[in-house]
Amino acid sequence: MNYTLPGQIEALEAVELGRIIAREAGPRGIRQEPHSHGFDAKTTFKGVIIANNIYARNTAEGGLRTGAADLVGFGRLYITNPDLAERFQNDWSVEPMAGHEVYKNSALGGKFYNDYPSYQFKN
């Protein structure tokens, strides 16, 4: 269910819901706006906010640091970066997310979905 209209998140606070998973997405799962509305939910909802969808490392860390989110999830970014946490920890480069053809083309037979390599050091 989408809770995006004014007052809807406040209504969830009234029923003492434990958490909100704020997945920001437009058509095809791509966030259309630069502003992160998932981080706005914490201004009216006092439970746990789990923000998810197409965050860059600095945006996610900012949301956590300011308390706008309690947890930030990275889904598709993990597919092209199976060692994403280690890349963040070591300030290694991050590969861009895979295109939608990886998820929707059954002719690929799973190729690219689970065979991206871990970080490779360059000499």
PDB file of N, CA and C in Angstrom:
ATOM      1  N   MET A   1       0.847  -1.170   0.000  1.00  0.00           N
ATOM      2  CA  MET A   1       0.000   0.000   0.000  1.00  0.00           C
ATOM      3  C   MET A   1       0.895   1.237   0.000  1.00  0.00           C
ATOM      4  N   ASN A   2       0.564   2.232  -0.769  1.00  0.00           N
ATOM      5  CA  ASN A   2       1.348   3.458  -0.837  1.00  0.00           C
ATOM      6  C   ASN A   2       0.784   4.502   0.106  1.00  0.00           C
ATOM      7  N   TYR A   3       1.640   5.032   0.950  1.00  0.00           N
ATOM      8  CA  TYR A   3       1.252   6.098   1.867  1.00  0.00           C
ATOM      9  C   TYR A   3       2.034   7.341   1.490  1.00  0.00           C
ATOM     10  N   THR A   4       1.457   8.128   0.609  1.00  0.00           N
ATOM     11  CA  THR A   4       2.176   9.298   0.134  1.00  0.00           C
ATOM     12  C   THR A   4       1.398  10.585   0.306  1.00  0.00           C
ATOM     13  N   LEU A   5       0.114  10.488   0.555  1.00  0.00           N
ATOM     14  CA  LEU A   5      -0.687  11.697   0.682  1.00  0.00           C
ATOM     15  C   LEU A   5      -0.532  12.300   2.070  1.00  0.00           C
ATOM     16  N   PRO A   6      -0.668  13.627   2.181  1.00  0.00           N
ATOM     17  CA  PRO A   6      -0.552  14.261   3.495  1.00  0.00           C
ATOM     18  C   PRO A   6      -1.517  13.624   4.485  1.00  0.00           C
ATOM     19  N   GLY A   7      -1.030  13.363   5.665  1.00  0.00           N
ATOM     20  CA  GLY A   7      -1.858  12.804   6.718  1.00  0.00           C
ATOM     21  C   GLY A   7      -1.821  11.292   6.818  1.00  0.00           C
ATOM     22  N   GLN A   8      -1.389  10.603   5.781  1.00  0.00           N
ATOM     23  CA  GLN A   8      -1.411   9.141   5.837  1.00  0.00           C
ATOM     24  C   GLN A   8      -0.360   8.575   6.792  1.00  0.00           C
ATOM     25  N   ILE A   9       0.825   9.138   6.795  1.00  0.00           N
ATOM     26  CA  ILE A   9       1.846   8.651   7.727  1.00  0.00           C
ATOM     27  C   ILE A   9       1.461   8.997   9.153  1.00  0.00           C
ATOM     28  N   GLU A  10       0.871  10.172   9.356  1.00  0.00           N
ATOM     29  CA  GLU A  10       0.390  10.543  10.683  1.00  0.00           C
ATOM     30  C   GLU A  10      -0.664   9.550  11.167  1.00  0.00           C
ATOM     31  N   ALA A  11      -1.507   9.076  10.267  1.00  0.00           N
ATOM     32  CA  ALA A  11      -2.532   8.095  10.629  1.00  0.00           C
ATOM     33  C   ALA A  11      -1.891   6.783  11.072  1.00  0.00           C
ATOM     34  N   LEU A  12      -0.785   6.417  10.464  1.00  0.00           N
ATOM     35  CA  LEU A  12      -0.081   5.203  10.873  1.00  0.00           C
ATOM     36  C   LEU A  12       0.500   5.352  12.274  1.00  0.00           C
ATOM     37  N   GLU A  13       0.956   6.537  12.602  1.00  0.00           N
ATOM     38  CA  GLU A  13       1.471   6.793  13.951  1.00  0.00           C
ATOM     39  C   GLU A  13       0.368   6.567  14.978  1.00  0.00           C
ATOM     40  N   ALA A  14      -0.846   6.948  14.639  1.00  0.00           N
ATOM     41  CA  ALA A  14      -1.972   6.831  15.568  1.00  0.00           C
ATOM     42  C   ALA A  14      -2.315   5.376  15.898  1.00  0.00           C
ATOM     43  N   VAL A  15      -2.030   4.442  15.007  1.00  0.00           N
ATOM     44  CA  VAL A  15      -2.334   3.033  15.284  1.00  0.00           C
ATOM     45  C   VAL A  15      -1.146   2.286  15.881  1.00  0.00           C
ATOM     46  N   GLU A  16      -0.111   3.029  16.250  1.00  0.00           N
ATOM     47  CA  GLU A  16       1.077   2.486  16.913  1.00  0.00           C
ATOM     48  C   GLU A  16       1.752   1.381  16.098  1.00  0.00           C
ATOM     49  N   LEU A  17       1.861   1.619  14.817  1.00  0.00           N
ATOM     50  CA  LEU A  17       2.568   0.706  13.936  1.00  0.00           C
ATOM     51  C   LEU A  17       4.038   0.702  14.329  1.00  0.00           C
ATOM     52  N   GLY A  18       4.687  -0.448  14.295  1.00  0.00           N
ATOM     53  CA  GLY A  18       6.070  -0.558  14.739  1.00  0.00           C
ATOM     54  C   GLY A  18       7.104  -0.025  13.777  1.00  0.00           C
ATOM     55  N   ARG A  19       6.850  -0.159  12.484  1.00  0.00           N
ATOM     56  CA  ARG A  19       7.855   0.280  11.510  1.00  0.00           C
ATOM     57  C   ARG A  19       7.201   0.604  10.172  1.00  0.00           C
ATOM     58  N   ILE A  20       7.900   1.420   9.412  1.00  0.00           N
ATOM     59  CA  ILE A  20       7.520   1.727   8.035  1.00  0.00           C
ATOM     60  C   ILE A  20       8.721   1.401   7.165  1.00  0.00           C
ATOM     61  N   ILE A  21       8.475   0.677   6.100  1.00  0.00           N
ATOM     62  CA  ILE A  21       9.513   0.451   5.104  1.00  0.00           C
ATOM     63  C   ILE A  21       9.212   1.404   3.963  1.00  0.00           C
ATOM     64  N   ALA A  22      10.040   2.417   3.826  1.00  0.00           N
ATOM     65  CA  ALA A  22       9.814   3.473   2.838  1.00  0.00           C
ATOM     66  C   ALA A  22      10.592   3.145   1.573  1.00  0.00           C
ATOM     67  N   ARG A  23       9.902   2.623   0.596  1.00  0.00           N
ATOM     68  CA  ARG A  23      10.522   2.305  -0.688  1.00  0.00           C
ATOM     69  C   ARG A  23      10.151   3.400  -1.668  1.00  0.00           C
ATOM     70  N   GLU A  24      11.138   4.138  -2.076  1.00  0.00           N
ATOM     71  CA  GLU A  24      10.894   5.250  -2.991  1.00  0.00           C
ATOM     72  C   GLU A  24      11.075   4.780  -4.421  1.00  0.00           C
ATOM     73  N   ALA A  25      10.018   4.855  -5.171  1.00  0.00           N
ATOM     74  CA  ALA A  25      10.145   4.420  -6.559  1.00  0.00           C
ATOM     75  C   ALA A  25       9.096   5.079  -7.423  1.00  0.00           C
ATOM     76  N   GLY A  26       9.486   5.322  -8.633  1.00  0.00           N
ATOM     77  CA  GLY A  26       8.557   5.792  -9.643  1.00  0.00           C
ATOM     78  C   GLY A  26       8.322   4.650 -10.613  1.00  0.00           C
ATOM     79  N   PRO A  27       8.016   4.971 -11.847  1.00  0.00           N
ATOM     80  CA  PRO A  27       7.826   3.924 -12.849  1.00  0.00           C
ATOM     81  C   PRO A  27       9.081   3.060 -12.990  1.00  0.00           C
ATOM     82  N   ARG A  28       8.894   1.767 -13.087  1.00  0.00           N
ATOM     83  CA  ARG A  28       9.991   0.804 -13.250  1.00  0.00           C
ATOM     84  C   ARG A  28      10.947   0.786 -12.061  1.00  0.00           C
ATOM     85  N   GLY A  29      10.506   1.242 -10.906  1.00  0.00           N
ATOM     86  CA  GLY A  29      11.328   1.181  -9.710  1.00  0.00           C
ATOM     87  C   GLY A  29      12.422   2.217  -9.638  1.00  0.00           C
ATOM     88  N   ILE A  30      12.351   3.234 -10.478  1.00  0.00           N
ATOM     89  CA  ILE A  30      13.392   4.258 -10.502  1.00  0.00           C
ATOM     90  C   ILE A  30      12.866   5.527  -9.863  1.00  0.00           C
ATOM     91  N   ARG A  31      13.572   5.998  -8.865  1.00  0.00           N
ATOM     92  CA  ARG A  31      13.160   7.216  -8.178  1.00  0.00           C
ATOM     93  C   ARG A  31      13.282   8.386  -9.135  1.00  0.00           C
ATOM     94  N   GLN A  32      12.242   9.183  -9.230  1.00  0.00           N
ATOM     95  CA  GLN A  32      12.193  10.279 -10.191  1.00  0.00           C
ATOM     96  C   GLN A  32      12.675  11.605  -9.616  1.00  0.00           C
ATOM     97  N   GLU A  33      12.613  11.757  -8.315  1.00  0.00           N
ATOM     98  CA  GLU A  33      12.946  13.038  -7.707  1.00  0.00           C
ATOM     99  C   GLU A  33      14.267  12.943  -6.958  1.00  0.00           C
ATOM    100  N   PRO A  34      15.033  14.021  -6.930  1.00  0.00           N
ATOM    101  CA  PRO A  34      16.281  13.987  -6.172  1.00  0.00           C
ATOM    102  C   PRO A  34      16.042  14.006  -4.662  1.00  0.00           C
ATOM    103  N   HIS A  35      14.891  14.524  -4.237  1.00  0.00           N
ATOM    104  CA  HIS A  35      14.595  14.600  -2.814  1.00  0.00           C
ATOM    105  C   HIS A  35      14.169  13.235  -2.294  1.00  0.00           C
ATOM    106  N   SER A  36      14.606  12.874  -1.118  1.00  0.00           N
ATOM    107  CA  SER A  36      14.286  11.579  -0.533  1.00  0.00           C
ATOM    108  C   SER A  36      13.107  11.692   0.420  1.00  0.00           C
ATOM    109  N   HIS A  37      11.909  11.333  -0.044  1.00  0.00           N
ATOM    110  CA  HIS A  37      10.715  11.418   0.795  1.00  0.00           C
ATOM    111  C   HIS A  37      10.703  10.366   1.892  1.00  0.00           C
ATOM    112  N   GLY A  38      11.391   9.262   1.678  1.00  0.00           N
ATOM    113  CA  GLY A  38      11.467   8.232   2.710  1.00  0.00           C
ATOM    114  C   GLY A  38      12.061   8.771   3.994  1.00  0.00           C
ATOM    115  N   PHE A  39      12.999   9.681   3.862  1.00  0.00           N
ATOM    116  CA  PHE A  39      13.622  10.274   5.040  1.00  0.00           C
ATOM    117  C   PHE A  39      12.700  11.280   5.718  1.00  0.00           C
ATOM    118  N   ASP A  40      11.694  11.782   5.016  1.00  0.00           N
ATOM    119  CA  ASP A  40      10.748  12.735   5.610  1.00  0.00           C
ATOM    120  C   ASP A  40       9.794  12.072   6.593  1.00  0.00           C
ATOM    121  N   ALA A  41       9.573  10.776   6.455  1.00  0.00           N
ATOM    122  CA  ALA A  41       8.580  10.077   7.283  1.00  0.00           C
ATOM    123  C   ALA A  41       8.893  10.200   8.765  1.00  0.00           C
ATOM    124  N   LYS A  42      10.157  10.273   9.121  1.00  0.00           N
ATOM    125  CA  LYS A  42      10.561  10.312  10.534  1.00  0.00           C
ATOM    126  C   LYS A  42      10.099  11.597  11.224  1.00  0.00           C
ATOM    127  N   THR A  43       9.751  12.617  10.465  1.00  0.00           N
ATOM    128  CA  THR A  43       9.294  13.859  11.093  1.00  0.00           C
ATOM    129  C   THR A  43       7.938  13.691  11.757  1.00  0.00           C
ATOM    130  N   THR A  44       7.139  12.734  11.301  1.00  0.00           N
ATOM    131  CA  THR A  44       5.819  12.522  11.902  1.00  0.00           C
ATOM    132  C   THR A  44       5.632  11.121  12.467  1.00  0.00           C
ATOM    133  N   PHE A  45       6.453  10.167  12.065  1.00  0.00           N
ATOM    134  CA  PHE A  45       6.319   8.788  12.529  1.00  0.00           C
ATOM    135  C   PHE A  45       7.456   8.491  13.487  1.00  0.00           C
ATOM    136  N   LYS A  46       7.145   8.041  14.667  1.00  0.00           N
ATOM    137  CA  LYS A  46       8.171   7.843  15.695  1.00  0.00           C
ATOM    138  C   LYS A  46       8.698   6.415  15.771  1.00  0.00           C
ATOM    139  N   GLY A  47       8.127   5.507  14.982  1.00  0.00           N
ATOM    140  CA  GLY A  47       8.610   4.130  14.956  1.00  0.00           C
ATOM    141  C   GLY A  47       9.862   4.013  14.100  1.00  0.00           C
ATOM    142  N   VAL A  48      10.203   2.803  13.750  1.00  0.00           N
ATOM    143  CA  VAL A  48      11.392   2.514  12.955  1.00  0.00           C
ATOM    144  C   VAL A  48      11.118   2.813  11.480  1.00  0.00           C
ATOM    145  N   ILE A  49      12.034   3.538  10.855  1.00  0.00           N
ATOM    146  CA  ILE A  49      11.956   3.827   9.422  1.00  0.00           C
ATOM    147  C   ILE A  49      13.066   3.049   8.721  1.00  0.00           C
ATOM    148  N   ILE A  50      12.663   2.212   7.774  1.00  0.00           N
ATOM    149  CA  ILE A  50      13.611   1.483   6.939  1.00  0.00           C
ATOM    150  C   ILE A  50      13.474   2.057   5.534  1.00  0.00           C
ATOM    151  N   ALA A  51      14.480   2.785   5.097  1.00  0.00           N
ATOM    152  CA  ALA A  51      14.459   3.409   3.773  1.00  0.00           C
ATOM    153  C   ALA A  51      15.119   2.465   2.773  1.00  0.00           C
ATOM    154  N   ASN A  52      14.570   2.409   1.575  1.00  0.00           N
ATOM    155  CA  ASN A  52      15.091   1.482   0.584  1.00  0.00           C
ATOM    156  C   ASN A  52      14.810   2.001  -0.821  1.00  0.00           C
ATOM    157  N   ASN A  53      15.750   1.840  -1.674  1.00  0.00           N
ATOM    158  CA  ASN A  53      15.639   2.008  -3.115  1.00  0.00           C
ATOM    159  C   ASN A  53      16.563   3.077  -3.670  1.00  0.00           C
ATOM    160  N   ILE A  54      17.572   2.613  -4.312  1.00  0.00           N
ATOM    161  CA  ILE A  54      18.462   3.427  -5.132  1.00  0.00           C
ATOM    162  C   ILE A  54      19.120   4.569  -4.363  1.00  0.00           C
ATOM    163  N   TYR A  55      19.619   4.292  -3.199  1.00  0.00           N
ATOM    164  CA  TYR A  55      20.373   5.302  -2.463  1.00  0.00           C
ATOM    165  C   TYR A  55      21.851   5.150  -2.756  1.00  0.00           C
ATOM    166  N   ALA A  56      22.538   6.267  -2.874  1.00  0.00           N
ATOM    167  CA  ALA A  56      23.990   6.258  -2.939  1.00  0.00           C
ATOM    168  C   ALA A  56      24.502   6.155  -1.501  1.00  0.00           C
ATOM    169  N   ARG A  57      25.732   5.769  -1.353  1.00  0.00           N
ATOM    170  CA  ARG A  57      26.310   5.606  -0.018  1.00  0.00           C
ATOM    171  C   ARG A  57      26.174   6.882   0.804  1.00  0.00           C
ATOM    172  N   ASN A  58      26.536   8.025   0.234  1.00  0.00           N
ATOM    173  CA  ASN A  58      26.509   9.275   1.001  1.00  0.00           C
ATOM    174  C   ASN A  58      25.092   9.662   1.409  1.00  0.00           C
ATOM    175  N   THR A  59      24.101   9.385   0.572  1.00  0.00           N
ATOM    176  CA  THR A  59      22.710   9.681   0.920  1.00  0.00           C
ATOM    177  C   THR A  59      22.254   8.782   2.062  1.00  0.00           C
ATOM    178  N   ALA A  60      22.585   7.507   1.972  1.00  0.00           N
ATOM    179  CA  ALA A  60      22.210   6.559   3.023  1.00  0.00           C
ATOM    180  C   ALA A  60      22.868   6.932   4.348  1.00  0.00           C
ATOM    181  N   GLU A  61      24.159   7.232   4.308  1.00  0.00           N
ATOM    182  CA  GLU A  61      24.858   7.601   5.540  1.00  0.00           C
ATOM    183  C   GLU A  61      24.295   8.884   6.128  1.00  0.00           C
ATOM    184  N   GLY A  62      23.933   9.834   5.271  1.00  0.00           N
ATOM    185  CA  GLY A  62      23.333  11.079   5.750  1.00  0.00           C
ATOM    186  C   GLY A  62      22.003  10.830   6.437  1.00  0.00           C
ATOM    187  N   GLY A  63      21.177   9.961   5.852  1.00  0.00           N
ATOM    188  CA  GLY A  63      19.896   9.623   6.461  1.00  0.00           C
ATOM    189  C   GLY A  63      20.061   8.962   7.817  1.00  0.00           C
ATOM    190  N   LEU A  64      21.056   8.101   7.944  1.00  0.00           N
ATOM    191  CA  LEU A  64      21.324   7.442   9.224  1.00  0.00           C
ATOM    192  C   LEU A  64      21.906   8.422  10.240  1.00  0.00           C
ATOM    193  N   ARG A  65      22.852   9.226   9.796  1.00  0.00           N
ATOM    194  CA  ARG A  65      23.527  10.176  10.686  1.00  0.00           C
ATOM    195  C   ARG A  65      22.558  11.203  11.273  1.00  0.00           C
ATOM    196  N   THR A  66      21.607  11.659  10.471  1.00  0.00           N
ATOM    197  CA  THR A  66      20.663  12.674  10.945  1.00  0.00           C
ATOM    198  C   THR A  66      19.489  12.074  11.704  1.00  0.00           C
ATOM    199  N   GLY A  67      19.384  10.747  11.689  1.00  0.00           N
ATOM    200  CA  GLY A  67      18.271  10.101  12.367  1.00  0.00           C
ATOM    201  C   GLY A  67      17.008  10.040  11.527  1.00  0.00           C
ATOM    202  N   ALA A  68      17.094  10.407  10.258  1.00  0.00           N
ATOM    203  CA  ALA A  68      15.924  10.365   9.376  1.00  0.00           C
ATOM    204  C   ALA A  68      15.528   8.932   9.039  1.00  0.00           C
ATOM    205  N   ALA A  69      16.460   7.998   9.176  1.00  0.00           N
ATOM    206  CA  ALA A  69      16.176   6.575   8.955  1.00  0.00           C
ATOM    207  C   ALA A  69      16.932   5.771  10.000  1.00  0.00           C
ATOM    208  N   ASP A  70      16.368   4.635  10.344  1.00  0.00           N
ATOM    209  CA  ASP A  70      17.024   3.739  11.288  1.00  0.00           C
ATOM    210  C   ASP A  70      17.823   2.658  10.568  1.00  0.00           C
ATOM    211  N   LEU A  71      17.456   2.401   9.338  1.00  0.00           N
ATOM    212  CA  LEU A  71      18.122   1.399   8.523  1.00  0.00           C
ATOM    213  C   LEU A  71      17.921   1.795   7.064  1.00  0.00           C
ATOM    214  N   VAL A  72      18.945   1.582   6.239  1.00  0.00           N
ATOM    215  CA  VAL A  72      18.819   1.836   4.803  1.00  0.00           C
ATOM    216  C   VAL A  72      19.194   0.552   4.079  1.00  0.00           C
ATOM    217  N   GLY A  73      18.329   0.123   3.184  1.00  0.00           N
ATOM    218  CA  GLY A  73      18.575  -1.100   2.432  1.00  0.00           C
ATOM    219  C   GLY A  73      19.085  -0.811   1.032  1.00  0.00           C
ATOM    220  N   PHE A  74      19.949  -1.678   0.570  1.00  0.00           N
ATOM    221  CA  PHE A  74      20.457  -1.625  -0.800  1.00  0.00           C
ATOM    222  C   PHE A  74      20.105  -2.955  -1.442  1.00  0.00           C
ATOM    223  N   GLY A  75      19.237  -2.951  -2.419  1.00  0.00           N
ATOM    224  CA  GLY A  75      18.825  -4.193  -3.062  1.00  0.00           C
ATOM    225  C   GLY A  75      19.581  -4.453  -4.343  1.00  0.00           C
ATOM    226  N   ARG A  76      19.183  -3.763  -5.392  1.00  0.00           N
ATOM    227  CA  ARG A  76      19.769  -4.020  -6.710  1.00  0.00           C
ATOM    228  C   ARG A  76      21.251  -3.692  -6.759  1.00  0.00           C
ATOM    229  N   LEU A  77      21.704  -2.768  -5.952  1.00  0.00           N
ATOM    230  CA  LEU A  77      23.128  -2.427  -5.949  1.00  0.00           C
ATOM    231  C   LEU A  77      23.973  -3.621  -5.495  1.00  0.00           C
ATOM    232  N   TYR A  78      23.401  -4.495  -4.661  1.00  0.00           N
ATOM    233  CA  TYR A  78      24.114  -5.699  -4.231  1.00  0.00           C
ATOM    234  C   TYR A  78      24.317  -6.692  -5.369  1.00  0.00           C
ATOM    235  N   ILE A  79      23.453  -6.677  -6.362  1.00  0.00           N
ATOM    236  CA  ILE A  79      23.599  -7.633  -7.458  1.00  0.00           C
ATOM    237  C   ILE A  79      24.885  -7.364  -8.224  1.00  0.00           C
ATOM    238  N   THR A  80      25.161  -6.112  -8.541  1.00  0.00           N
ATOM    239  CA  THR A  80      26.386  -5.789  -9.278  1.00  0.00           C
ATOM    240  C   THR A  80      27.586  -5.613  -8.359  1.00  0.00           C
ATOM    241  N   ASN A  81      27.346  -5.593  -7.069  1.00  0.00           N
ATOM    242  CA  ASN A  81      28.410  -5.442  -6.073  1.00  0.00           C
ATOM    243  C   ASN A  81      28.168  -6.445  -4.947  1.00  0.00           C
ATOM    244  N   PRO A  82      28.465  -7.733  -5.175  1.00  0.00           N
ATOM    245  CA  PRO A  82      28.160  -8.733  -4.158  1.00  0.00           C
ATOM    246  C   PRO A  82      28.899  -8.501  -2.843  1.00  0.00           C
ATOM    247  N   ASP A  83      29.933  -7.694  -2.894  1.00  0.00           N
ATOM    248  CA  ASP A  83      30.711  -7.356  -1.700  1.00  0.00           C
ATOM    249  C   ASP A  83      30.491  -5.882  -1.328  1.00  0.00           C
ATOM    250  N   LEU A  84      29.266  -5.406  -1.473  1.00  0.00           N
ATOM    251  CA  LEU A  84      28.963  -3.979  -1.293  1.00  0.00           C
ATOM    252  C   LEU A  84      29.410  -3.443   0.065  1.00  0.00           C
ATOM    253  N   ALA A  85      29.131  -4.162   1.133  1.00  0.00           N
ATOM    254  CA  ALA A  85      29.528  -3.682   2.463  1.00  0.00           C
ATOM    255  C   ALA A  85      31.039  -3.510   2.550  1.00  0.00           C
ATOM    256  N   GLU A  86      31.781  -4.453   1.998  1.00  0.00           N
ATOM    257  CA  GLU A  86      33.235  -4.368   2.008  1.00  0.00           C
ATOM    258  C   GLU A  86      33.716  -3.200   1.138  1.00  0.00           C
ATOM    259  N   ARG A  87      33.055  -2.963   0.029  1.00  0.00           N
ATOM    260  CA  ARG A  87      33.415  -1.823  -0.825  1.00  0.00           C
ATOM    261  C   ARG A  87      33.207  -0.511  -0.073  1.00  0.00           C
ATOM    262  N   PHE A  88      32.078  -0.400   0.622  1.00  0.00           N
ATOM    263  CA  PHE A  88      31.824   0.810   1.410  1.00  0.00           C
ATOM    264  C   PHE A  88      32.871   0.961   2.511  1.00  0.00           C
ATOM    265  N   GLN A  89      33.150  -0.126   3.205  1.00  0.00           N
ATOM    266  CA  GLN A  89      34.096  -0.099   4.320  1.00  0.00           C
ATOM    267  C   GLN A  89      35.483   0.347   3.883  1.00  0.00           C
ATOM    268  N   ASN A  90      35.901  -0.068   2.704  1.00  0.00           N
ATOM    269  CA  ASN A  90      37.253   0.209   2.221  1.00  0.00           C
ATOM    270  C   ASN A  90      37.330   1.356   1.222  1.00  0.00           C
ATOM    271  N   ASP A  91      36.208   2.038   0.998  1.00  0.00           N
ATOM    272  CA  ASP A  91      36.154   3.129   0.020  1.00  0.00           C
ATOM    273  C   ASP A  91      36.567   2.680  -1.379  1.00  0.00           C
ATOM    274  N   TRP A  92      36.185   1.452  -1.735  1.00  0.00           N
ATOM    275  CA  TRP A  92      36.441   0.961  -3.080  1.00  0.00           C
ATOM    276  C   TRP A  92      35.336   1.449  -4.000  1.00  0.00           C
ATOM    277  N   SER A  93      35.620   1.465  -5.289  1.00  0.00           N
ATOM    278  CA  SER A  93      34.608   1.907  -6.251  1.00  0.00           C
ATOM    279  C   SER A  93      33.424   0.936  -6.269  1.00  0.00           C
ATOM    280  N   VAL A  94      32.272   1.472  -6.643  1.00  0.00           N
ATOM    281  CA  VAL A  94      31.038   0.695  -6.706  1.00  0.00           C
ATOM    282  C   VAL A  94      30.585   0.646  -8.160  1.00  0.00           C
ATOM    283  N   GLU A  95      30.250  -0.546  -8.632  1.00  0.00           N
ATOM    284  CA  GLU A  95      29.750  -0.704  -9.994  1.00  0.00           C
ATOM    285  C   GLU A  95      28.323  -0.173 -10.077  1.00  0.00           C
ATOM    286  N   PRO A  96      27.934   0.406 -11.207  1.00  0.00           N
ATOM    287  CA  PRO A  96      26.549   0.880 -11.342  1.00  0.00           C
ATOM    288  C   PRO A  96      25.567  -0.290 -11.324  1.00  0.00           C
ATOM    289  N   MET A  97      24.324   0.027 -10.997  1.00  0.00           N
ATOM    290  CA  MET A  97      23.291  -1.008 -10.972  1.00  0.00           C
ATOM    291  C   MET A  97      23.070  -1.580 -12.361  1.00  0.00           C
ATOM    292  N   ALA A  98      22.681  -2.826 -12.398  1.00  0.00           N
ATOM    293  CA  ALA A  98      22.372  -3.489 -13.668  1.00  0.00           C
ATOM    294  C   ALA A  98      21.091  -2.913 -14.245  1.00  0.00           C
ATOM    295  N   GLY A  99      20.988  -2.967 -15.550  1.00  0.00           N
ATOM    296  CA  GLY A  99      19.768  -2.517 -16.211  1.00  0.00           C
ATOM    297  C   GLY A  99      18.631  -3.500 -15.989  1.00  0.00           C
ATOM    298  N   HIS A 100      17.441  -3.090 -16.326  1.00  0.00           N
ATOM    299  CA  HIS A 100      16.257  -3.920 -16.108  1.00  0.00           C
ATOM    300  C   HIS A 100      16.280  -5.218 -16.911  1.00  0.00           C
ATOM    301  N   GLU A 101      17.069  -5.272 -17.980  1.00  0.00           N
ATOM    302  CA  GLU A 101      17.112  -6.503 -18.771  1.00  0.00           C
ATOM    303  C   GLU A 101      17.614  -7.686 -17.946  1.00  0.00           C
ATOM    304  N   VAL A 102      18.408  -7.417 -16.946  1.00  0.00           N
ATOM    305  CA  VAL A 102      18.921  -8.483 -16.083  1.00  0.00           C
ATOM    306  C   VAL A 102      17.783  -9.155 -15.319  1.00  0.00           C
ATOM    307  N   TYR A 103      16.784  -8.388 -14.936  1.00  0.00           N
ATOM    308  CA  TYR A 103      15.703  -8.914 -14.110  1.00  0.00           C
ATOM    309  C   TYR A 103      14.542  -9.469 -14.923  1.00  0.00           C
ATOM    310  N   LYS A 104      14.398  -9.016 -16.146  1.00  0.00           N
ATOM    311  CA  LYS A 104      13.187  -9.339 -16.904  1.00  0.00           C
ATOM    312  C   LYS A 104      13.400 -10.228 -18.118  1.00  0.00           C
ATOM    313  N   ASN A 105      14.628 -10.512 -18.485  1.00  0.00           N
ATOM    314  CA  ASN A 105      14.884 -11.286 -19.693  1.00  0.00           C
ATOM    315  C   ASN A 105      15.160 -12.743 -19.327  1.00  0.00           C
ATOM    316  N   SER A 106      14.152 -13.583 -19.427  1.00  0.00           N
ATOM    317  CA  SER A 106      14.309 -14.993 -19.058  1.00  0.00           C
ATOM    318  C   SER A 106      15.284 -15.720 -19.979  1.00  0.00           C
ATOM    319  N   ALA A 107      15.528 -15.186 -21.174  1.00  0.00           N
ATOM    320  CA  ALA A 107      16.465 -15.814 -22.102  1.00  0.00           C
ATOM    321  C   ALA A 107      17.893 -15.790 -21.558  1.00  0.00           C
ATOM    322  N   LEU A 108      18.172 -14.882 -20.632  1.00  0.00           N
ATOM    323  CA  LEU A 108      19.510 -14.822 -20.040  1.00  0.00           C
ATOM    324  C   LEU A 108      19.740 -15.995 -19.089  1.00  0.00           C
ATOM    325  N   GLY A 109      18.682 -16.642 -18.650  1.00  0.00           N
ATOM    326  CA  GLY A 109      18.809 -17.813 -17.790  1.00  0.00           C
ATOM    327  C   GLY A 109      19.540 -17.548 -16.487  1.00  0.00           C
ATOM    328  N   GLY A 110      19.396 -16.383 -15.929  1.00  0.00           N
ATOM    329  CA  GLY A 110      20.066 -16.061 -14.672  1.00  0.00           C
ATOM    330  C   GLY A 110      21.442 -15.442 -14.855  1.00  0.00           C
ATOM    331  N   LYS A 111      21.965 -15.443 -16.078  1.00  0.00           N
ATOM    332  CA  LYS A 111      23.272 -14.819 -16.314  1.00  0.00           C
ATOM    333  C   LYS A 111      23.193 -13.354 -15.921  1.00  0.00           C
ATOM    334  N   PHE A 112      24.201 -12.885 -15.285  1.00  0.00           N
ATOM    335  CA  PHE A 112      24.337 -11.529 -14.773  1.00  0.00           C
ATOM    336  C   PHE A 112      23.577 -11.325 -13.461  1.00  0.00           C
ATOM    337  N   TYR A 113      22.611 -12.176 -13.172  1.00  0.00           N
ATOM    338  CA  TYR A 113      21.834 -11.957 -11.953  1.00  0.00           C
ATOM    339  C   TYR A 113      22.630 -12.348 -10.716  1.00  0.00           C
ATOM    340  N   ASN A 114      23.470 -13.355 -10.840  1.00  0.00           N
ATOM    341  CA  ASN A 114      24.218 -13.792  -9.663  1.00  0.00           C
ATOM    342  C   ASN A 114      25.676 -14.111  -9.956  1.00  0.00           C
ATOM    343  N   ASP A 115      26.214 -13.543 -11.015  1.00  0.00           N
ATOM    344  CA  ASP A 115      27.606 -13.854 -11.326  1.00  0.00           C
ATOM    345  C   ASP A 115      28.498 -12.617 -11.494  1.00  0.00           C
ATOM    346  N   TYR A 116      28.096 -11.507 -10.911  1.00  0.00           N
ATOM    347  CA  TYR A 116      28.972 -10.336 -10.937  1.00  0.00           C
ATOM    348  C   TYR A 116      30.167 -10.599 -10.029  1.00  0.00           C
ATOM    349  N   PRO A 117      31.347 -10.156 -10.426  1.00  0.00           N
ATOM    350  CA  PRO A 117      32.538 -10.441  -9.618  1.00  0.00           C
ATOM    351  C   PRO A 117      32.671  -9.502  -8.422  1.00  0.00           C
ATOM    352  N   SER A 118      33.420  -9.970  -7.446  1.00  0.00           N
ATOM    353  CA  SER A 118      33.789  -9.112  -6.324  1.00  0.00           C
ATOM    354  C   SER A 118      34.812  -8.094  -6.805  1.00  0.00           C
ATOM    355  N   TYR A 119      35.149  -7.157  -5.941  1.00  0.00           N
ATOM    356  CA  TYR A 119      36.080  -6.087  -6.295  1.00  0.00           C
ATOM    357  C   TYR A 119      37.409  -6.670  -6.761  1.00  0.00           C
ATOM    358  N   GLN A 120      37.926  -6.139  -7.838  1.00  0.00           N
ATOM    359  CA  GLN A 120      39.213  -6.566  -8.382  1.00  0.00           C
ATOM    360  C   GLN A 120      40.207  -5.421  -8.251  1.00  0.00           C
ATOM    361  N   PHE A 121      41.311  -5.677  -7.573  1.00  0.00           N
ATOM    362  CA  PHE A 121      42.347  -4.656  -7.439  1.00  0.00           C
ATOM    363  C   PHE A 121      43.030  -4.458  -8.778  1.00  0.00           C
ATOM    364  N   LYS A 122      43.306  -3.210  -9.091  1.00  0.00           N
ATOM    365  CA  LYS A 122      43.981  -2.890 -10.349  1.00  0.00           C
ATOM    366  C   LYS A 122      45.447  -2.608 -10.056  1.00  0.00           C
ATOM    367  N   ASN A 123      46.319  -3.157 -10.891  1.00  0.00           N
ATOM    368  CA  ASN A 123      47.768  -2.949 -10.705  1.00  0.00           C
ATOM    369  C   ASN A 123      48.218  -1.667 -11.335  1.00  0.00           C
TER     370      ASN A 123
END
